C-alpha atoms as a PDB file:
ATOM      1  CA  MET A   1      57.055  35.695  28.214  1.00  0.00           C
ATOM      2  CA  ALA A   2      57.793  34.040  31.567  1.00  0.00           C
ATOM      3  CA  GLU A   3      59.905  31.348  29.905  1.00  0.00           C
ATOM      4  CA  ARG A   4      61.883  33.952  27.998  1.00  0.00           C
ATOM      5  CA  LEU A   5      62.612  35.738  31.280  1.00  0.00           C
ATOM      6  CA  GLY A   6      63.556  32.509  33.036  1.00  0.00           C
ATOM      7  CA  VAL A   7      60.573  32.732  35.382  1.00  0.00           C
ATOM      8  CA  VAL A   8      58.481  29.684  36.248  1.00  0.00           C
ATOM      9  CA  SER A   9      54.809  30.406  35.617  1.00  0.00           C
ATOM     10  CA  TRP A  10      52.317  28.192  37.446  1.00  0.00           C
ATOM     11  CA  THR A  11      48.800  28.706  36.089  1.00  0.00           C
ATOM     12  CA  PRO A  12      46.608  25.703  36.937  1.00  0.00           C
ATOM     13  CA  LEU A  13      43.338  27.470  36.101  1.00  0.00           C
ATOM     14  CA  TRP A  14      44.384  28.192  32.526  1.00  0.00           C
ATOM     15  CA  HIS A  15      43.727  24.570  31.642  1.00  0.00           C
ATOM     16  CA  GLN A  16      40.233  24.493  33.139  1.00  0.00           C
ATOM     17  CA  SER A  17      36.991  25.598  31.507  1.00  0.00           C
ATOM     18  CA  GLY A  18      35.098  28.516  33.027  1.00  0.00           C
ATOM     19  CA  HIS A  19      32.175  26.199  33.731  1.00  0.00           C
ATOM     20  CA  ASP A  20      34.375  23.750  35.644  1.00  0.00           C
ATOM     21  CA  HIS A  21      36.129  26.559  37.517  1.00  0.00           C
ATOM     22  CA  VAL A  22      32.960  28.128  38.947  1.00  0.00           C
ATOM     23  CA  LYS A  23      31.271  24.755  39.497  1.00  0.00           C
ATOM     24  CA  GLY A  24      34.356  23.570  41.398  1.00  0.00           C
ATOM     25  CA  MET A  25      34.348  26.623  43.652  1.00  0.00           C
ATOM     26  CA  VAL A  26      30.680  26.069  44.505  1.00  0.00           C
ATOM     27  CA  GLU A  27      31.269  22.355  45.147  1.00  0.00           C
ATOM     28  CA  GLN A  28      34.260  23.160  47.395  1.00  0.00           C
ATOM     29  CA  GLY A  29      32.088  25.286  49.662  1.00  0.00           C
ATOM     30  CA  PHE A  30      32.630  28.820  48.411  1.00  0.00           C
ATOM     31  CA  GLU A  31      29.498  30.895  49.005  1.00  0.00           C
ATOM     32  CA  ILE A  32      29.387  33.244  46.046  1.00  0.00           C
ATOM     33  CA  MET A  33      26.779  36.012  46.028  1.00  0.00           C
ATOM     34  CA  ILE A  34      25.719  37.708  42.801  1.00  0.00           C
ATOM     35  CA  THR A  35      25.983  41.467  43.415  1.00  0.00           C
ATOM     36  CA  GLY A  36      25.616  42.879  39.914  1.00  0.00           C
ATOM     37  CA  VAL A  37      24.064  41.800  36.619  1.00  0.00           C
ATOM     38  CA  SER A  38      24.291  43.369  33.171  1.00  0.00           C
ATOM     39  CA  ALA A  39      23.703  40.607  30.632  1.00  0.00           C
ATOM     40  CA  GLU A  40      20.632  39.560  28.715  1.00  0.00           C
ATOM     41  CA  GLY A  41      18.966  36.726  30.613  1.00  0.00           C
ATOM     42  CA  LEU A  42      20.076  37.912  34.049  1.00  0.00           C
ATOM     43  CA  THR A  43      17.265  39.689  35.888  1.00  0.00           C
ATOM     44  CA  ASP A  44      16.930  41.346  39.271  1.00  0.00           C
ATOM     45  CA  ALA A  45      16.035  37.903  40.672  1.00  0.00           C
ATOM     46  CA  TRP A  46      19.783  37.098  40.604  1.00  0.00           C
ATOM     47  CA  LEU A  47      20.790  40.034  42.800  1.00  0.00           C
ATOM     48  CA  GLY A  48      21.788  38.921  46.296  1.00  0.00           C
ATOM     49  CA  ARG A  49      21.468  35.258  45.304  1.00  0.00           C
ATOM     50  CA  ILE A  50      24.038  32.687  46.472  1.00  0.00           C
ATOM     51  CA  LEU A  51      25.346  30.215  43.910  1.00  0.00           C
ATOM     52  CA  THR A  52      24.514  26.623  44.832  1.00  0.00           C
ATOM     53  CA  PRO A  53      24.987  23.594  42.591  1.00  0.00           C
ATOM     54  CA  GLU A  54      21.404  24.099  41.388  1.00  0.00           C
ATOM     55  CA  THR A  55      21.593  27.860  40.822  1.00  0.00           C
ATOM     56  CA  PHE A  56      24.965  27.476  39.116  1.00  0.00           C
ATOM     57  CA  GLU A  57      23.464  25.038  36.599  1.00  0.00           C
ATOM     58  CA  GLU A  58      20.654  27.548  36.004  1.00  0.00           C
ATOM     59  CA  LEU A  59      23.279  30.256  35.441  1.00  0.00           C
ATOM     60  CA  ALA A  60      25.195  27.973  33.060  1.00  0.00           C
ATOM     61  CA  GLN A  61      22.031  27.316  31.036  1.00  0.00           C
ATOM     62  CA  LEU A  62      21.350  31.054  30.791  1.00  0.00           C
ATOM     63  CA  ALA A  63      24.968  31.667  29.758  1.00  0.00           C
ATOM     64  CA  ALA A  64      24.647  29.133  26.945  1.00  0.00           C
ATOM     65  CA  LYS A  65      21.262  30.466  25.821  1.00  0.00           C
ATOM     66  CA  HIS A  66      22.212  34.157  25.908  1.00  0.00           C
ATOM     67  CA  ARG A  67      25.864  33.639  24.943  1.00  0.00           C
ATOM     68  CA  PHE A  68      27.607  35.238  27.901  1.00  0.00           C
ATOM     69  CA  HIS A  69      30.665  33.968  29.762  1.00  0.00           C
ATOM     70  CA  VAL A  70      29.608  31.686  32.628  1.00  0.00           C
ATOM     71  CA  GLU A  71      32.435  33.086  34.792  1.00  0.00           C
ATOM     72  CA  GLY A  72      31.236  36.643  34.250  1.00  0.00           C
ATOM     73  CA  GLU A  73      34.592  37.521  32.666  1.00  0.00           C
ATOM     74  CA  GLY A  74      33.023  40.090  30.357  1.00  0.00           C
ATOM     75  CA  GLY A  75      31.320  41.956  33.188  1.00  0.00           C
ATOM     76  CA  GLU A  76      28.054  40.052  32.740  1.00  0.00           C
ATOM     77  CA  TYR A  77      27.802  39.735  36.495  1.00  0.00           C
ATOM     78  CA  GLU A  78      29.738  40.674  39.630  1.00  0.00           C
ATOM     79  CA  THR A  79      30.165  38.649  42.816  1.00  0.00           C
ATOM     80  CA  LEU A  80      31.117  38.768  46.472  1.00  0.00           C
ATOM     81  CA  VAL A  81      32.442  35.693  48.293  1.00  0.00           C
ATOM     82  CA  VAL A  82      30.578  35.665  51.623  1.00  0.00           C
ATOM     83  CA  GLY A  83      31.854  32.324  52.895  1.00  0.00           C
ATOM     84  CA  GLY A  84      34.252  29.574  52.051  1.00  0.00           C
ATOM     85  CA  PRO A  85      36.881  27.117  53.194  1.00  0.00           C
ATOM     86  CA  HIS A  86      39.481  29.894  53.435  1.00  0.00           C
ATOM     87  CA  MET A  87      37.377  31.929  55.870  1.00  0.00           C
ATOM     88  CA  ASN A  88      36.905  31.531  59.639  1.00  0.00           C
ATOM     89  CA  GLY A  89      33.257  32.493  59.395  1.00  0.00           C
ATOM     90  CA  ARG A  90      30.621  33.743  57.027  1.00  0.00           C
ATOM     91  CA  LEU A  91      29.903  37.368  56.176  1.00  0.00           C
ATOM     92  CA  GLU A  92      26.340  38.300  57.081  1.00  0.00           C
ATOM     93  CA  VAL A  93      25.377  40.575  54.230  1.00  0.00           C
ATOM     94  CA  LYS A  94      22.348  42.836  54.064  1.00  0.00           C
ATOM     95  CA  GLY A  95      21.581  45.136  51.200  1.00  0.00           C
ATOM     96  CA  THR A  96      19.106  46.536  48.744  1.00  0.00           C
ATOM     97  CA  THR A  97      18.451  45.711  45.133  1.00  0.00           C
ATOM     98  CA  HIS A  98      18.700  48.446  42.507  1.00  0.00           C
ATOM     99  CA  TRP A  99      17.281  47.595  39.065  1.00  0.00           C
ATOM    100  CA  ASP A 100      16.778  49.842  36.033  1.00  0.00           C
ATOM    101  CA  GLY A 101      14.962  47.291  33.882  1.00  0.00           C
ATOM    102  CA  VAL A 102      18.102  46.119  32.074  1.00  0.00           C
ATOM    103  CA  ARG A 103      20.862  45.868  34.670  1.00  0.00           C
ATOM    104  CA  GLY A 104      21.225  46.181  38.392  1.00  0.00           C
ATOM    105  CA  HIS A 105      23.280  45.796  41.512  1.00  0.00           C
ATOM    106  CA  TYR A 106      22.900  44.678  45.099  1.00  0.00           C
ATOM    107  CA  ALA A 107      24.091  47.501  47.342  1.00  0.00           C
ATOM    108  CA  VAL A 108      25.663  46.036  50.479  1.00  0.00           C
ATOM    109  CA  HIS A 109      24.944  47.959  53.705  1.00  0.00           C
END
């Protein structure tokens, strides 16, 4: 569509796998907090958790096992970036976990 309209479309992430995209963000220093889960394999233990290289690999294994998108593109999980190279500081986040036995969210206060 962009080409037909004579518009240059620059989409570098389109040529990157979801796994590599999230892994790259974690490796580049983005602090990504899981704030909602609604996929089989994701329990309340993930709520409020920050993705590290280790926890991302755990997430990737669960995504493969339970067949959900590792980027959370289908709403399998929600996130909040609390720190990163684009920020002057880090957000100090406090909240409470809400879990119904199947899905849940981390309510930020």
